[in-house]
């Protein structure tokens, strides 16, 4: 249930050509993600849409049927916000991202020991703006190189297969599948509750290592997933699903703030 492909740091490492020297043993590539640092991390998740008369019949429906309703509701969403964090031996990974069915997205991710970056897509072009720590991690410590990269967005990487996980995450349909589909186990019923101000019912699921994750599903209105959390095992944390079907506004950065992907690779190689 708690997909390990929510944020693929392996893809980032391959893109930047850093190898294991910068990325360690790439453990972070197997971790789910979740809210970014700074102001985004401090933001309080917005409650899901006001419930309608529809009610999820948790007594009659099986756990698998309830899960399917949540997946179907998520698949029907035109937009949403994902925010949360995952802790591990490597540190804390965070995400705060909004995306829609047009392929538009904007938000930030922070990776333990590597720094953070902003991601923007208008549905056609993709822009990634790493912070100073991220550029230093992957661009090296050469002052001349860092000066060229500072406060710049990287673009032109969308056709690189090594970045597929990152670009797919800006596509709502693909991200939805990554979030809830791992197909490794069968859910069981949990209990009723309230999450982010929304009435919910939980499903529990264990992976092949015996680590448990819990999906909280709205029981009124559209049966959207409200929170996905993992409280056992090495990698623990939670992801909130909010701001369903709200318009997403994206503005591409000015050309003066953008560096082409190929030029970036050449800059790093020549350092």
Protein backbone atom coordinates (compact mmCIF):
# COMPACT_ATOMS: atom_id res chain seq x y z
CA UNK A 1 0.00 0.00 0.00
CA UNK A 2 2.75 2.47 0.94
CA UNK A 3 4.64 2.57 -2.32
CA UNK A 4 8.41 2.94 -2.09
CA UNK A 5 8.54 4.90 -5.36
CA UNK A 6 7.01 8.12 -4.04
CA UNK A 7 10.30 9.92 -4.51
CA UNK A 8 13.13 8.28 -6.40
CA UNK A 9 16.44 9.74 -5.28
CA UNK A 10 18.14 7.07 -7.38
CA UNK A 11 16.83 8.86 -10.46
CA UNK A 12 18.28 12.14 -9.22
CA UNK A 13 21.65 10.57 -8.53
CA UNK A 14 21.76 9.03 -12.00
CA UNK A 15 20.75 12.31 -13.61
CA UNK A 16 23.52 14.23 -11.95
CA UNK A 17 26.10 11.50 -12.50
CA UNK A 18 27.05 11.59 -8.84
CA UNK A 19 27.19 7.83 -8.32
CA UNK A 20 27.52 6.25 -4.91
CA UNK A 21 30.04 8.82 -3.71
CA UNK A 22 27.32 11.44 -3.31
CA UNK A 23 24.34 9.17 -2.83
CA UNK A 24 25.80 6.60 -0.46
CA UNK A 25 24.24 3.22 -1.12
CA UNK A 26 21.08 4.87 -2.54
CA UNK A 27 18.94 3.71 0.37
CA UNK A 28 16.93 6.87 -0.06
CA UNK A 29 15.67 5.64 -3.42
CA UNK A 30 13.59 3.02 -1.59
CA UNK A 31 11.83 5.47 0.70
CA UNK A 32 8.46 7.08 0.44
CA UNK A 33 8.41 10.81 0.62
CA UNK A 34 6.46 13.60 2.13
CA UNK A 35 5.98 18.18 3.49
CA UNK A 36 9.04 20.18 2.54
CA UNK A 37 11.25 22.13 4.91
CA UNK A 38 10.77 25.79 5.74
CA UNK A 39 7.44 27.48 5.24
CA UNK A 40 5.99 24.55 3.33
CA UNK A 41 6.71 22.15 6.19
CA UNK A 42 5.02 24.45 8.67
CA UNK A 43 1.85 24.67 6.59
CA UNK A 44 -1.20 22.96 8.06
CA UNK A 45 -2.87 20.55 5.62
CA UNK A 46 -6.16 21.82 4.25
CA UNK A 47 -9.14 19.57 4.92
CA UNK A 48 -10.65 17.57 2.06
CA UNK A 49 -13.76 18.88 0.26
CA UNK A 50 -17.00 19.30 2.22
CA UNK A 51 -18.69 15.87 2.41
CA UNK A 52 -21.86 15.16 0.43
CA UNK A 53 -24.64 12.68 1.18
CA UNK A 54 -22.65 9.67 -0.08
CA UNK A 55 -21.45 7.42 2.74
CA UNK A 56 -18.94 4.58 2.65
CA UNK A 57 -20.62 1.41 3.94
CA UNK A 58 -17.69 -0.05 5.85
CA UNK A 59 -19.83 -2.80 7.40
CA UNK A 60 -20.95 -4.37 4.14
CA UNK A 61 -17.88 -3.72 2.00
CA UNK A 62 -14.76 -5.88 2.26
CA UNK A 63 -11.33 -4.32 2.87
CA UNK A 64 -10.43 -4.90 -0.79
CA UNK A 65 -13.65 -3.21 -1.94
CA UNK A 66 -13.01 -0.23 0.31
CA UNK A 67 -9.47 0.07 -1.00
CA UNK A 68 -10.74 -0.04 -4.59
CA UNK A 69 -13.16 2.80 -3.88
CA UNK A 70 -10.29 4.89 -2.54
CA UNK A 71 -8.17 4.13 -5.61
CA UNK A 72 -11.08 4.93 -7.93
CA UNK A 73 -11.73 8.21 -6.13
CA UNK A 74 -8.06 9.15 -6.34
CA UNK A 75 -8.02 8.28 -10.04
CA UNK A 76 -10.99 10.61 -10.61
CA UNK A 77 -9.38 13.61 -8.89
CA UNK A 78 -8.42 16.55 -11.10
CA UNK A 79 -5.80 17.80 -8.65
CA UNK A 80 -4.46 17.31 -5.14
CA UNK A 81 -1.75 18.25 -2.68
CA UNK A 82 0.63 15.70 -1.17
CA UNK A 83 2.56 16.62 1.95
CA UNK A 84 4.35 14.75 4.69
CA UNK A 85 7.65 13.27 5.81
CA UNK A 86 9.45 9.96 6.12
CA UNK A 87 12.19 9.28 8.65
CA UNK A 88 14.90 6.67 8.35
CA UNK A 89 18.47 5.93 9.38
CA UNK A 90 19.59 8.47 6.77
CA UNK A 91 17.47 11.31 8.14
CA UNK A 92 14.19 12.91 7.14
CA UNK A 93 12.79 13.05 3.62
CA UNK A 94 10.02 15.61 3.05
CA UNK A 95 7.65 16.62 0.29
CA UNK A 96 5.03 19.30 -0.31
CA UNK A 97 3.67 19.10 -3.85
CA UNK A 98 0.50 20.08 -5.71
CA UNK A 99 -0.33 18.52 -9.08
CA UNK A 100 -3.19 18.21 -11.54
CA UNK A 101 -4.43 16.03 -14.37
CA UNK A 102 -2.93 18.43 -16.95
CA UNK A 103 0.59 17.53 -15.86
CA UNK A 104 1.10 20.78 -13.97
CA UNK A 105 2.88 20.63 -10.62
CA UNK A 106 4.82 22.75 -8.18
CA UNK A 107 6.36 22.06 -4.82
CA UNK A 108 9.48 21.06 -2.95
CA UNK A 109 11.30 17.96 -1.79
CA UNK A 110 14.09 17.61 0.76
CA UNK A 111 16.42 14.61 0.79
CA UNK A 112 18.46 13.62 3.87
CA UNK A 113 22.06 14.73 3.64
CA UNK A 114 21.63 16.13 0.13
CA UNK A 115 19.57 19.30 0.42
CA UNK A 116 16.24 20.25 -1.10
CA UNK A 117 14.88 21.31 -4.46
CA UNK A 118 11.85 22.96 -6.01
CA UNK A 119 10.03 21.27 -8.90
CA UNK A 120 7.81 23.09 -11.40
CA UNK A 121 6.05 21.85 -14.53
CA UNK A 122 3.54 23.61 -16.74
CA UNK A 123 2.56 20.28 -18.28
CA UNK A 124 5.18 20.48 -21.01
CA UNK A 125 8.47 21.74 -19.60
CA UNK A 126 10.00 20.75 -16.28
CA UNK A 127 12.15 22.90 -14.01
CA UNK A 128 14.09 21.81 -10.93
CA UNK A 129 15.76 24.35 -8.65
CA UNK A 130 18.07 22.78 -6.05
CA UNK A 131 19.19 24.71 -2.98
CA UNK A 132 22.84 25.53 -2.33
CA UNK A 133 23.46 22.30 -0.43
CA UNK A 134 22.03 20.20 -3.24
CA UNK A 135 24.10 21.96 -5.91
CA UNK A 136 27.21 21.54 -3.75
CA UNK A 137 26.47 17.86 -3.17
CA UNK A 138 26.19 17.05 -6.86
CA UNK A 139 28.01 19.91 -8.55
CA UNK A 140 31.13 19.73 -6.42
CA UNK A 141 32.82 22.41 -4.38
CA UNK A 142 34.45 24.33 -7.24
CA UNK A 143 33.49 27.98 -6.58
CA UNK A 144 33.33 28.80 -10.30
CA UNK A 145 30.87 25.96 -10.92
CA UNK A 146 28.73 26.79 -7.92
CA UNK A 147 28.56 30.44 -9.00
CA UNK A 148 27.06 29.37 -12.36
CA UNK A 149 24.50 27.12 -10.68
CA UNK A 150 23.39 29.32 -7.79
CA UNK A 151 19.70 30.28 -7.87
CA UNK A 152 19.24 28.54 -11.23
CA UNK A 153 16.57 26.13 -12.44
CA UNK A 154 17.62 23.02 -14.33
CA UNK A 155 15.47 22.21 -17.38
CA UNK A 156 15.48 20.01 -20.48
CA UNK A 157 15.75 16.71 -18.62
CA UNK A 158 12.23 15.43 -19.29
CA UNK A 159 13.34 13.18 -22.16
CA UNK A 160 16.03 11.48 -20.10
CA UNK A 161 14.77 8.02 -19.00
CA UNK A 162 16.80 8.34 -15.80
CA UNK A 163 14.45 11.13 -14.71
CA UNK A 164 11.21 9.27 -15.52
CA UNK A 165 10.23 8.82 -11.85
CA UNK A 166 10.61 12.53 -11.20
CA UNK A 167 8.69 13.69 -14.26
CA UNK A 168 6.01 11.02 -13.75
CA UNK A 169 5.45 12.33 -10.26
CA UNK A 170 4.21 15.59 -11.79
CA UNK A 171 1.56 13.62 -13.68
CA UNK A 172 -1.40 13.03 -11.39
CA UNK A 173 -2.42 9.70 -12.94
CA UNK A 174 1.09 8.25 -12.69
CA UNK A 175 1.69 9.64 -9.21
CA UNK A 176 -1.61 8.15 -8.01
CA UNK A 177 -0.51 4.69 -9.11
CA UNK A 178 2.86 5.10 -7.40
CA UNK A 179 1.22 6.18 -4.17
CA UNK A 180 -1.24 3.36 -3.62
CA UNK A 181 -0.26 0.50 -5.92
CA UNK A 182 2.47 -1.90 -4.90
CA UNK A 183 0.38 -5.08 -5.11
CA UNK A 184 2.41 -6.87 -2.47
CA UNK A 185 -0.24 -7.67 0.13
CA UNK A 186 -3.93 -7.73 1.01
CA UNK A 187 -5.49 -5.03 3.24
CA UNK A 188 -7.49 -5.68 6.38
CA UNK A 189 -10.09 -3.49 8.04
CA UNK A 190 -9.08 -1.01 10.71
CA UNK A 191 -11.39 1.41 12.46
CA UNK A 192 -13.34 4.65 12.10
CA UNK A 193 -11.69 7.93 13.01
CA UNK A 194 -11.12 11.55 12.07
CA UNK A 195 -8.04 12.73 10.16
CA UNK A 196 -7.40 16.34 9.13
CA UNK A 197 -10.98 17.14 10.13
CA UNK A 198 -12.40 14.44 7.84
CA UNK A 199 -14.34 11.36 8.95
CA UNK A 200 -12.33 8.31 7.90
CA UNK A 201 -12.05 4.55 8.00
CA UNK A 202 -8.65 2.88 8.06
CA UNK A 203 -7.21 -0.09 6.21
CA UNK A 204 -4.07 -1.85 7.41
CA UNK A 205 -1.60 -3.75 5.30
CA UNK A 206 1.69 -5.56 5.90
CA UNK A 207 4.45 -5.92 3.35
CA UNK A 208 6.62 -8.98 2.86
CA UNK A 209 8.93 -7.77 5.65
CA UNK A 210 6.00 -7.61 8.07
CA UNK A 211 6.06 -3.80 8.21
CA UNK A 212 2.60 -2.26 8.52
CA UNK A 213 1.11 0.73 6.76
CA UNK A 214 -2.29 2.34 7.29
CA UNK A 215 -4.51 4.10 4.76
CA UNK A 216 -7.18 6.47 6.08
CA UNK A 217 -10.09 6.89 3.66
CA UNK A 218 -12.83 9.54 3.70
CA UNK A 219 -16.20 7.93 4.49
CA UNK A 220 -18.42 10.78 3.28
CA UNK A 221 -18.59 12.51 -0.08
CA UNK A 222 -15.87 11.27 -2.43
CA UNK A 223 -13.95 8.42 -0.83
CA UNK A 224 -10.54 10.01 -1.25
CA UNK A 225 -7.48 8.75 0.64
CA UNK A 226 -6.82 11.27 3.41
CA UNK A 227 -3.60 9.98 4.96
CA UNK A 228 -1.14 7.17 4.30
CA UNK A 229 1.19 6.32 7.17
CA UNK A 230 3.80 3.79 8.18
CA UNK A 231 4.50 3.36 11.88
CA UNK A 232 6.61 0.20 11.98
CA UNK A 233 9.96 -0.75 10.49
CA UNK A 234 12.95 1.39 9.63
CA UNK A 235 11.19 3.91 7.39
CA UNK A 236 8.34 5.61 9.21
CA UNK A 237 6.22 8.65 8.45
CA UNK A 238 3.01 9.86 6.91
CA UNK A 239 1.63 11.47 3.78
CA UNK A 240 -1.44 13.72 3.73
CA UNK A 241 -3.73 14.00 0.71
CA UNK A 242 -5.54 17.34 0.63
CA UNK A 243 -6.81 20.17 -1.61
CA UNK A 244 -8.58 17.78 -3.98
CA UNK A 245 -9.92 19.25 -7.24
CA UNK A 246 -8.61 22.76 -6.53
CA UNK A 247 -7.09 24.71 -9.45
CA UNK A 248 -3.31 24.54 -9.74
CA UNK A 249 -1.52 27.68 -10.91
CA UNK A 250 1.99 27.32 -12.31
CA UNK A 251 4.35 29.94 -13.69
CA UNK A 252 7.54 28.94 -15.48
CA UNK A 253 10.71 30.71 -14.24
CA UNK A 254 12.27 33.45 -16.41
CA UNK A 255 14.81 32.33 -18.99
CA UNK A 256 17.56 34.23 -17.17
CA UNK A 257 17.12 31.86 -14.20
CA UNK A 258 17.31 28.64 -16.21
CA UNK A 259 20.26 26.43 -17.13
CA UNK A 260 19.93 23.69 -19.75
CA UNK A 261 20.37 20.07 -18.64
CA UNK A 262 23.13 19.35 -21.16
CA UNK A 263 25.06 22.49 -20.23
CA UNK A 264 24.72 21.56 -16.58
CA UNK A 265 26.25 18.14 -17.18
CA UNK A 266 29.08 19.70 -19.19
CA UNK A 267 29.70 22.20 -16.38
CA UNK A 268 29.96 19.45 -13.77
CA UNK A 269 32.18 17.24 -15.95
CA UNK A 270 34.58 20.10 -16.68
CA UNK A 271 34.92 21.10 -13.03
